[in-house]
Protein backbone atom coordinates (compact mmCIF):
# COMPACT_ATOMS: atom_id res chain seq x y z
CA MET A 1 68.86 42.63 -6.24
CA LEU A 2 69.49 38.90 -6.59
CA LYS A 3 72.79 39.31 -7.03
CA THR A 4 73.05 41.18 -3.55
CA ILE A 5 71.78 37.47 -1.84
CA SER A 6 74.68 35.10 -1.48
CA TRP A 7 74.55 31.27 -1.72
CA THR A 8 74.51 31.11 2.12
CA GLU A 9 71.92 33.59 3.49
CA PHE A 10 69.88 31.50 0.92
CA THR A 11 70.41 28.36 2.18
CA VAL A 12 70.26 29.90 6.12
CA VAL A 13 67.30 31.17 5.11
CA ILE A 14 65.97 27.61 3.80
CA LEU A 15 66.58 25.32 6.71
CA ILE A 16 64.45 27.81 8.82
CA ALA A 17 61.60 28.29 6.91
CA THR A 18 61.68 23.92 6.29
CA ALA A 19 62.61 23.63 9.90
CA PHE A 20 59.81 26.06 10.86
CA TYR A 21 57.17 24.46 8.51
CA TYR A 22 58.53 20.84 9.85
CA LEU A 23 58.09 22.23 13.41
CA THR A 24 54.74 23.54 12.04
CA ILE A 25 53.64 20.73 11.12
CA ALA A 26 54.25 18.24 13.51
CA LEU A 27 52.80 20.34 16.72
CA LEU A 28 49.14 19.88 14.44
CA TYR A 29 49.60 16.42 14.39
CA PHE A 30 51.50 15.60 17.34
CA SER A 31 49.61 17.79 20.03
CA PRO A 32 46.91 15.66 21.08
CA ARG A 33 49.27 12.76 22.20
CA LEU A 34 51.27 15.82 23.80
CA SER A 35 48.60 17.26 25.67
CA ARG A 36 47.48 13.70 27.12
CA SER A 37 51.57 13.13 28.10
CA LEU A 38 51.28 16.05 29.46
CA ALA A 39 48.26 16.05 31.77
CA LYS A 40 49.51 12.83 33.25
CA THR A 41 52.77 14.21 34.78
CA ASN A 42 52.81 15.95 37.53
CA PHE A 43 55.18 18.59 38.08
CA PRO A 44 57.80 18.99 41.14
CA PHE A 45 55.91 22.40 42.14
CA THR A 46 52.89 23.64 40.46
CA ALA A 47 49.99 22.85 43.04
CA LYS A 48 47.53 20.99 42.60
CA THR A 49 43.81 21.79 43.24
CA SER A 50 41.16 19.61 44.78
CA GLN A 51 38.22 20.65 42.05
CA SER A 52 39.36 20.95 38.90
CA ARG A 53 37.61 23.69 36.35
CA PRO A 54 34.19 23.36 35.36
CA ASP A 55 34.90 22.96 31.64
CA GLU A 56 37.36 20.42 32.25
CA GLN A 57 34.23 17.94 34.37
CA ASN A 58 31.91 18.92 31.02
CA ASN A 59 34.97 17.22 28.84
CA LEU A 60 35.51 14.43 31.30
CA PHE A 61 32.16 13.68 31.88
CA GLU A 62 31.27 14.32 27.61
CA ILE A 63 34.58 11.37 27.63
CA SER A 64 33.15 8.89 29.82
CA SER A 65 29.58 8.79 28.66
CA SER A 66 31.09 7.75 25.30
CA LEU A 67 33.07 5.26 26.66
CA SER A 68 29.96 4.33 28.62
CA ARG A 69 28.17 3.37 25.21
CA ILE A 70 31.05 1.91 23.92
CA LEU A 71 31.51 -0.31 26.59
CA LYS A 72 27.62 -1.30 26.33
CA HIS A 73 28.04 -1.96 22.64
CA THR A 74 31.32 -4.26 23.27
CA ILE A 75 29.96 -6.14 26.27
CA THR A 76 26.31 -6.77 24.24
CA GLU A 77 28.24 -7.60 21.64
CA GLY A 78 30.49 -10.08 23.22
CA GLY A 79 26.98 -11.89 25.35
CA ALA A 80 25.28 -12.50 21.52
CA ASN A 81 28.51 -13.77 20.35
CA HIS A 82 29.48 -15.75 23.81
CA LEU A 83 33.21 -14.78 23.60
CA LEU A 84 35.31 -15.58 26.53
CA LYS A 85 36.11 -14.39 29.55
CA GLN A 86 39.43 -13.51 28.29
CA GLU A 87 38.40 -12.30 24.70
CA LEU A 88 35.82 -9.92 26.61
CA LEU A 89 38.35 -8.62 29.12
CA TYR A 90 41.23 -8.21 26.53
CA SER A 91 38.62 -5.83 24.29
CA LEU A 92 37.51 -3.90 26.61
CA GLN A 93 41.67 -3.43 27.63
CA THR A 94 41.98 -2.24 24.00
CA ILE A 95 39.30 0.09 24.44
CA LEU A 96 40.50 1.50 28.03
CA LYS A 97 44.03 2.57 26.93
CA ASP A 98 42.73 5.14 24.40
CA TYR A 99 40.60 6.54 27.33
CA SER A 100 43.86 6.69 30.25
CA ILE A 101 42.65 10.26 31.03
CA ILE A 102 39.92 9.10 32.83
CA ILE A 103 41.94 6.38 35.90
CA ALA A 104 41.76 8.45 38.85
CA THR A 105 38.72 10.55 38.36
CA PRO A 106 35.15 9.81 39.95
CA PHE A 107 34.16 8.74 36.36
CA GLU A 108 37.32 5.97 36.76
CA SER A 109 34.30 3.82 39.63
CA ALA A 110 31.66 4.82 37.88
CA ILE A 111 32.80 3.04 34.58
CA ASN A 112 33.88 0.12 36.86
CA LYS A 113 30.79 -0.09 38.26
CA LEU A 114 29.16 -0.07 34.55
CA VAL A 115 31.12 -3.00 33.31
CA GLU A 116 31.25 -4.78 36.09
CA ASP A 117 26.74 -4.81 36.38
CA PHE A 118 26.69 -4.96 32.17
CA LEU A 119 28.78 -8.30 32.08
CA GLN A 120 26.84 -9.71 35.14
CA LYS A 121 23.73 -8.95 33.20
CA GLU A 122 24.91 -9.34 29.59
CA CYS A 123 27.51 -12.15 29.87
CA SER A 124 27.30 -13.85 33.44
CA ILE A 125 30.45 -12.90 33.96
CA TYR A 126 31.84 -11.42 37.45
CA LEU A 127 34.76 -9.66 38.11
CA ASN A 128 36.71 -9.55 41.20
CA ALA A 129 38.78 -6.11 42.27
CA GLU A 130 42.09 -7.38 40.75
CA GLU A 131 40.34 -7.79 37.27
CA LEU A 132 38.23 -4.82 37.18
CA LYS A 133 41.91 -2.35 37.69
CA GLY A 134 43.72 -5.42 35.10
CA ILE A 135 40.94 -3.88 31.97
CA TRP A 136 42.46 -0.43 32.17
CA LYS A 137 46.46 -1.44 32.71
CA SER A 138 47.19 -1.39 28.39
């Protein structure tokens, strides 16, 4: 039975199996990044609805709740350590770059308000509108 399989057939089967294996591994590894980048992409022929699905809203709510806890902790520690304004803004920027999914949602304004209020309360740092927009830029 093994004598009927040629080296060419064997090589083709091994190459296909290897390609399938690496494709599976790549999809498992890059699927979170891929889904985030596809979510940002505006396809020209898709109609956007004004309301998102409830499960997306719940997911965004959970993400923004987690982000708000992280930001509160970071700002509180920054105030306790007497960080400079630029150092604190940079640390907020590095945190927010991982949460770009919140940009252009109603949660963005809530996070901005939280950051602004907590910086004033904990660190006596006042931000203008440009600085608030700047913390979302990576």
